[in-house]
PDB file of all heavy atoms in Angstrom:
ATOM      1  N   ALA A   1       6.759  -7.210   0.726  1.00  0.00           N
ATOM      2  CA  ALA A   1       5.818  -7.401  -0.415  1.00  0.00           C
ATOM      3  C   ALA A   1       4.761  -6.297  -0.298  1.00  0.00           C
ATOM      4  O   ALA A   1       4.393  -5.763  -1.387  1.00  0.00           O
ATOM      5  CB  ALA A   1       5.157  -8.776  -0.329  1.00  0.00           C
ATOM      6  N   CYS A   2       4.222  -5.912   0.814  1.00  0.00           N
ATOM      7  CA  CYS A   2       3.216  -4.959   0.983  1.00  0.00           C
ATOM      8  C   CYS A   2       3.740  -3.590   0.520  1.00  0.00           C
ATOM      9  O   CYS A   2       3.019  -2.905  -0.234  1.00  0.00           O
ATOM     10  CB  CYS A   2       2.758  -4.912   2.373  1.00  0.00           C
ATOM     11  SG  CYS A   2       1.514  -3.696   2.777  1.00  0.00           S
ATOM     12  N   LYS A   3       4.942  -3.231   0.939  1.00  0.00           N
ATOM     13  CA  LYS A   3       5.399  -1.845   0.593  1.00  0.00           C
ATOM     14  C   LYS A   3       5.653  -1.814  -0.917  1.00  0.00           C
ATOM     15  O   LYS A   3       5.402  -0.836  -1.550  1.00  0.00           O
ATOM     16  CB  LYS A   3       6.683  -1.488   1.373  1.00  0.00           C
ATOM     17  CG  LYS A   3       7.036  -0.059   1.242  1.00  0.00           C
ATOM     18  CD  LYS A   3       7.866   0.431   2.357  1.00  0.00           C
ATOM     19  CE  LYS A   3       8.097   1.955   2.314  1.00  0.00           C
ATOM     20  NZ  LYS A   3       8.837   2.474   3.402  1.00  0.00           N
ATOM     21  N   GLN A   4       6.299  -2.859  -1.436  1.00  0.00           N
ATOM     22  CA  GLN A   4       6.520  -2.880  -2.911  1.00  0.00           C
ATOM     23  C   GLN A   4       5.383  -2.855  -3.737  1.00  0.00           C
ATOM     24  O   GLN A   4       5.224  -2.167  -4.760  1.00  0.00           O
ATOM     25  CB  GLN A   4       7.362  -4.200  -3.234  1.00  0.00           C
ATOM     26  CG  GLN A   4       8.781  -4.136  -2.768  1.00  0.00           C
ATOM     27  CD  GLN A   4       9.602  -5.470  -3.079  1.00  0.00           C
ATOM     28  OE1 GLN A   4       9.078  -6.387  -3.534  1.00  0.00           O
ATOM     29  NE2 GLN A   4      10.858  -5.387  -2.892  1.00  0.00           N
ATOM     30  N   ALA A   5       4.242  -3.555  -3.296  1.00  0.00           N
ATOM     31  CA  ALA A   5       3.014  -3.583  -3.982  1.00  0.00           C
ATOM     32  C   ALA A   5       2.293  -2.175  -3.868  1.00  0.00           C
ATOM     33  O   ALA A   5       1.628  -1.708  -4.887  1.00  0.00           O
ATOM     34  CB  ALA A   5       2.101  -4.648  -3.457  1.00  0.00           C
ATOM     35  N   SER A   6       2.424  -1.573  -2.741  1.00  0.00           N
ATOM     36  CA  SER A   6       1.781  -0.282  -2.522  1.00  0.00           C
ATOM     37  C   SER A   6       2.355   0.830  -3.483  1.00  0.00           C
ATOM     38  O   SER A   6       1.746   1.783  -3.667  1.00  0.00           O
ATOM     39  CB  SER A   6       1.801   0.167  -1.048  1.00  0.00           C
ATOM     40  OG  SER A   6       3.110   0.433  -0.727  1.00  0.00           O
ATOM     41  N   TYR A   7       3.645   0.624  -3.853  1.00  0.00           N
ATOM     42  CA  TYR A   7       4.199   1.554  -4.719  1.00  0.00           C
ATOM     43  C   TYR A   7       4.148   1.257  -6.208  1.00  0.00           C
ATOM     44  O   TYR A   7       4.856   1.720  -7.093  1.00  0.00           O
ATOM     45  CB  TYR A   7       5.646   1.820  -4.377  1.00  0.00           C
ATOM     46  CG  TYR A   7       5.761   2.832  -3.136  1.00  0.00           C
ATOM     47  CD1 TYR A   7       5.704   2.441  -1.860  1.00  0.00           C
ATOM     48  CD2 TYR A   7       5.940   4.202  -3.388  1.00  0.00           C
ATOM     49  CE1 TYR A   7       5.829   3.303  -0.809  1.00  0.00           C
ATOM     50  CE2 TYR A   7       6.012   5.119  -2.356  1.00  0.00           C
ATOM     51  CZ  TYR A   7       5.880   4.681  -1.102  1.00  0.00           C
ATOM     52  OH  TYR A   7       5.995   5.517   0.010  1.00  0.00           O
ATOM     53  N   HIS A   8       3.382   0.183  -6.526  1.00  0.00           N
ATOM     54  CA  HIS A   8       3.198  -0.233  -7.967  1.00  0.00           C
ATOM     55  C   HIS A   8       2.573   0.906  -8.712  1.00  0.00           C
ATOM     56  O   HIS A   8       1.685   1.690  -8.241  1.00  0.00           O
ATOM     57  CB  HIS A   8       2.276  -1.440  -8.012  1.00  0.00           C
ATOM     58  CG  HIS A   8       2.235  -2.115  -9.323  1.00  0.00           C
ATOM     59  ND1 HIS A   8       1.325  -1.720 -10.294  1.00  0.00           N
ATOM     60  CD2 HIS A   8       2.950  -3.137  -9.802  1.00  0.00           C
ATOM     61  CE1 HIS A   8       1.607  -2.513 -11.373  1.00  0.00           C
ATOM     62  NE2 HIS A   8       2.527  -3.427 -11.140  1.00  0.00           N
ATOM     63  N   PRO A   9       3.008   1.144  -9.992  1.00  0.00           N
ATOM     64  CA  PRO A   9       2.545   2.242 -10.775  1.00  0.00           C
ATOM     65  C   PRO A   9       1.047   2.374 -10.932  1.00  0.00           C
ATOM     66  O   PRO A   9       0.489   3.509 -11.022  1.00  0.00           O
ATOM     67  CB  PRO A   9       3.207   2.049 -12.191  1.00  0.00           C
ATOM     68  CG  PRO A   9       4.312   1.145 -11.954  1.00  0.00           C
ATOM     69  CD  PRO A   9       4.032   0.303 -10.707  1.00  0.00           C
ATOM     70  N   ASP A  10       0.339   1.214 -10.815  1.00  0.00           N
ATOM     71  CA  ASP A  10      -1.127   1.204 -11.015  1.00  0.00           C
ATOM     72  C   ASP A  10      -1.909   1.517  -9.739  1.00  0.00           C
ATOM     73  O   ASP A  10      -3.125   1.691  -9.750  1.00  0.00           O
ATOM     74  CB  ASP A  10      -1.643  -0.131 -11.550  1.00  0.00           C
ATOM     75  CG  ASP A  10      -1.022  -0.490 -12.907  1.00  0.00           C
ATOM     76  OD1 ASP A  10      -0.616   0.477 -13.665  1.00  0.00           O
ATOM     77  OD2 ASP A  10      -0.973  -1.574 -13.334  1.00  0.00           O
ATOM     78  N   VAL A  11      -1.168   1.690  -8.654  1.00  0.00           N
ATOM     79  CA  VAL A  11      -1.786   1.959  -7.350  1.00  0.00           C
ATOM     80  C   VAL A  11      -1.884   3.414  -7.048  1.00  0.00           C
ATOM     81  O   VAL A  11      -0.996   4.146  -7.172  1.00  0.00           O
ATOM     82  CB  VAL A  11      -0.956   1.202  -6.292  1.00  0.00           C
ATOM     83  CG1 VAL A  11      -1.543   1.665  -4.841  1.00  0.00           C
ATOM     84  CG2 VAL A  11      -0.969  -0.318  -6.441  1.00  0.00           C
ATOM     85  N   SER A  12      -3.221   3.791  -6.691  1.00  0.00           N
ATOM     86  CA  SER A  12      -3.431   5.219  -6.404  1.00  0.00           C
ATOM     87  C   SER A  12      -2.827   5.597  -4.983  1.00  0.00           C
ATOM     88  O   SER A  12      -2.592   4.721  -4.159  1.00  0.00           O
ATOM     89  CB  SER A  12      -4.892   5.425  -6.374  1.00  0.00           C
ATOM     90  OG  SER A  12      -5.589   4.794  -5.295  1.00  0.00           O
ATOM     91  N   LYS A  13      -2.756   6.839  -4.683  1.00  0.00           N
ATOM     92  CA  LYS A  13      -2.192   7.325  -3.415  1.00  0.00           C
ATOM     93  C   LYS A  13      -3.181   6.863  -2.288  1.00  0.00           C
ATOM     94  O   LYS A  13      -2.649   6.426  -1.287  1.00  0.00           O
ATOM     95  CB  LYS A  13      -2.137   8.874  -3.382  1.00  0.00           C
ATOM     96  CG  LYS A  13      -0.785   9.343  -3.609  1.00  0.00           C
ATOM     97  CD  LYS A  13      -0.665  10.785  -3.307  1.00  0.00           C
ATOM     98  CE  LYS A  13       0.811  11.295  -3.383  1.00  0.00           C
ATOM     99  NZ  LYS A  13       0.884  12.752  -3.081  1.00  0.00           N
ATOM    100  N   GLU A  14      -4.456   6.860  -2.491  1.00  0.00           N
ATOM    101  CA  GLU A  14      -5.430   6.440  -1.508  1.00  0.00           C
ATOM    102  C   GLU A  14      -5.245   4.971  -1.139  1.00  0.00           C
ATOM    103  O   GLU A  14      -5.197   4.575  -0.028  1.00  0.00           O
ATOM    104  CB  GLU A  14      -6.826   6.740  -2.045  1.00  0.00           C
ATOM    105  CG  GLU A  14      -7.878   6.531  -0.925  1.00  0.00           C
ATOM    106  CD  GLU A  14      -9.143   5.860  -1.505  1.00  0.00           C
ATOM    107  OE1 GLU A  14      -9.342   5.919  -2.743  1.00  0.00           O
ATOM    108  OE2 GLU A  14      -9.942   5.275  -0.686  1.00  0.00           O
ATOM    109  N   VAL A  15      -5.097   4.160  -2.198  1.00  0.00           N
ATOM    110  CA  VAL A  15      -5.053   2.642  -1.977  1.00  0.00           C
ATOM    111  C   VAL A  15      -3.674   2.388  -1.364  1.00  0.00           C
ATOM    112  O   VAL A  15      -3.536   1.518  -0.416  1.00  0.00           O
ATOM    113  CB  VAL A  15      -5.108   1.939  -3.361  1.00  0.00           C
ATOM    114  CG1 VAL A  15      -4.792   0.449  -3.139  1.00  0.00           C
ATOM    115  CG2 VAL A  15      -6.459   2.088  -3.890  1.00  0.00           C
ATOM    116  N   ARG A  16      -2.611   3.088  -1.762  1.00  0.00           N
ATOM    117  CA  ARG A  16      -1.294   2.943  -1.158  1.00  0.00           C
ATOM    118  C   ARG A  16      -1.351   3.235   0.364  1.00  0.00           C
ATOM    119  O   ARG A  16      -0.885   2.501   1.186  1.00  0.00           O
ATOM    120  CB  ARG A  16      -0.237   3.925  -1.712  1.00  0.00           C
ATOM    121  CG  ARG A  16       1.097   3.841  -1.082  1.00  0.00           C
ATOM    122  CD  ARG A  16       2.062   4.858  -1.596  1.00  0.00           C
ATOM    123  NE  ARG A  16       2.250   4.760  -3.049  1.00  0.00           N
ATOM    124  CZ  ARG A  16       2.529   5.750  -3.867  1.00  0.00           C
ATOM    125  NH1 ARG A  16       2.829   6.972  -3.353  1.00  0.00           N
ATOM    126  NH2 ARG A  16       2.692   5.544  -5.101  1.00  0.00           N
ATOM    127  N   GLY A  17      -2.007   4.306   0.731  1.00  0.00           N
ATOM    128  CA  GLY A  17      -2.199   4.727   2.148  1.00  0.00           C
ATOM    129  C   GLY A  17      -2.930   3.561   2.956  1.00  0.00           C
ATOM    130  O   GLY A  17      -2.476   3.237   4.100  1.00  0.00           O
ATOM    131  N   ARG A  18      -3.915   3.028   2.282  1.00  0.00           N
ATOM    132  CA  ARG A  18      -4.686   1.868   2.994  1.00  0.00           C
ATOM    133  C   ARG A  18      -3.858   0.665   3.145  1.00  0.00           C
ATOM    134  O   ARG A  18      -3.863  -0.021   4.175  1.00  0.00           O
ATOM    135  CB  ARG A  18      -5.904   1.656   2.195  1.00  0.00           C
ATOM    136  CG  ARG A  18      -7.037   2.634   2.496  1.00  0.00           C
ATOM    137  CD  ARG A  18      -8.187   2.581   1.515  1.00  0.00           C
ATOM    138  NE  ARG A  18      -8.829   1.218   1.452  1.00  0.00           N
ATOM    139  CZ  ARG A  18      -9.465   0.727   0.431  1.00  0.00           C
ATOM    140  NH1 ARG A  18      -9.633   1.426  -0.597  1.00  0.00           N
ATOM    141  NH2 ARG A  18     -10.040  -0.413   0.506  1.00  0.00           N
ATOM    142  N   ALA A  19      -3.092   0.356   2.101  1.00  0.00           N
ATOM    143  CA  ALA A  19      -2.194  -0.830   2.040  1.00  0.00           C
ATOM    144  C   ALA A  19      -1.196  -0.762   3.125  1.00  0.00           C
ATOM    145  O   ALA A  19      -0.953  -1.698   3.925  1.00  0.00           O
ATOM    146  CB  ALA A  19      -1.579  -1.048   0.727  1.00  0.00           C
ATOM    147  N   LEU A  20      -0.523   0.476   3.300  1.00  0.00           N
ATOM    148  CA  LEU A  20       0.526   0.682   4.311  1.00  0.00           C
ATOM    149  C   LEU A  20      -0.033   0.634   5.676  1.00  0.00           C
ATOM    150  O   LEU A  20       0.536   0.154   6.571  1.00  0.00           O
ATOM    151  CB  LEU A  20       1.260   2.009   4.020  1.00  0.00           C
ATOM    152  CG  LEU A  20       2.003   2.101   2.739  1.00  0.00           C
ATOM    153  CD1 LEU A  20       2.603   3.440   2.487  1.00  0.00           C
ATOM    154  CD2 LEU A  20       3.181   1.027   2.642  1.00  0.00           C
ATOM    155  N   HIS A  21      -1.310   1.172   5.779  1.00  0.00           N
ATOM    156  CA  HIS A  21      -2.044   1.100   7.062  1.00  0.00           C
ATOM    157  C   HIS A  21      -2.242  -0.265   7.569  1.00  0.00           C
ATOM    158  O   HIS A  21      -1.997  -0.620   8.706  1.00  0.00           O
ATOM    159  CB  HIS A  21      -3.328   1.968   7.007  1.00  0.00           C
ATOM    160  CG  HIS A  21      -4.249   1.781   8.254  1.00  0.00           C
ATOM    161  ND1 HIS A  21      -3.955   2.365   9.387  1.00  0.00           N
ATOM    162  CD2 HIS A  21      -5.398   0.977   8.287  1.00  0.00           C
ATOM    163  CE1 HIS A  21      -4.924   1.911  10.231  1.00  0.00           C
ATOM    164  NE2 HIS A  21      -5.815   1.236   9.560  1.00  0.00           N
ATOM    165  N   PHE A  22      -2.773  -1.132   6.624  1.00  0.00           N
ATOM    166  CA  PHE A  22      -3.108  -2.490   7.072  1.00  0.00           C
ATOM    167  C   PHE A  22      -1.857  -3.340   7.230  1.00  0.00           C
ATOM    168  O   PHE A  22      -1.867  -4.322   8.040  1.00  0.00           O
ATOM    169  CB  PHE A  22      -4.154  -3.091   6.023  1.00  0.00           C
ATOM    170  CG  PHE A  22      -5.531  -2.564   6.142  1.00  0.00           C
ATOM    171  CD1 PHE A  22      -6.115  -1.800   5.085  1.00  0.00           C
ATOM    172  CD2 PHE A  22      -6.203  -2.577   7.339  1.00  0.00           C
ATOM    173  CE1 PHE A  22      -7.366  -1.300   5.182  1.00  0.00           C
ATOM    174  CE2 PHE A  22      -7.422  -2.087   7.449  1.00  0.00           C
ATOM    175  CZ  PHE A  22      -8.048  -1.406   6.446  1.00  0.00           C
ATOM    176  N   GLY A  23      -0.812  -3.014   6.483  1.00  0.00           N
ATOM    177  CA  GLY A  23       0.425  -3.720   6.675  1.00  0.00           C
ATOM    178  C   GLY A  23       0.943  -3.498   8.126  1.00  0.00           C
ATOM    179  O   GLY A  23       1.363  -4.451   8.830  1.00  0.00           O
ATOM    180  N   THR A  24       0.785  -2.257   8.582  1.00  0.00           N
ATOM    181  CA  THR A  24       1.210  -1.834   9.963  1.00  0.00           C
ATOM    182  C   THR A  24       0.287  -2.546  10.976  1.00  0.00           C
ATOM    183  O   THR A  24       0.717  -3.128  11.927  1.00  0.00           O
ATOM    184  CB  THR A  24       1.059  -0.273  10.184  1.00  0.00           C
ATOM    185  OG1 THR A  24       2.038   0.305   9.327  1.00  0.00           O
ATOM    186  CG2 THR A  24       1.366   0.065  11.536  1.00  0.00           C
ATOM    187  N   GLU A  25      -1.114  -2.510  10.737  1.00  0.00           N
ATOM    188  CA  GLU A  25      -2.028  -3.112  11.623  1.00  0.00           C
ATOM    189  C   GLU A  25      -1.783  -4.658  11.786  1.00  0.00           C
ATOM    190  O   GLU A  25      -1.916  -5.162  12.910  1.00  0.00           O
ATOM    191  CB  GLU A  25      -3.490  -2.893  11.138  1.00  0.00           C
ATOM    192  CG  GLU A  25      -3.942  -1.400  11.265  1.00  0.00           C
ATOM    193  CD  GLU A  25      -4.015  -0.962  12.692  1.00  0.00           C
ATOM    194  OE1 GLU A  25      -4.870  -1.550  13.408  1.00  0.00           O
ATOM    195  OE2 GLU A  25      -3.295  -0.073  13.057  1.00  0.00           O
ATOM    196  N   CYS A  26      -1.550  -5.221  10.699  1.00  0.00           N
ATOM    197  CA  CYS A  26      -1.277  -6.734  10.653  1.00  0.00           C
ATOM    198  C   CYS A  26      -0.009  -7.032  11.568  1.00  0.00           C
ATOM    199  O   CYS A  26      -0.079  -7.926  12.382  1.00  0.00           O
ATOM    200  CB  CYS A  26      -1.001  -7.208   9.267  1.00  0.00           C
ATOM    201  SG  CYS A  26      -0.608  -8.963   9.131  1.00  0.00           S
TER     202      CYS A  26
END
């Protein structure tokens, strides 16, 4: 869900990077 959401068309590159980072941290 995290990866799919991070690649949503409305998500910026910066937000994607943060989402993927926190998915990893979690």
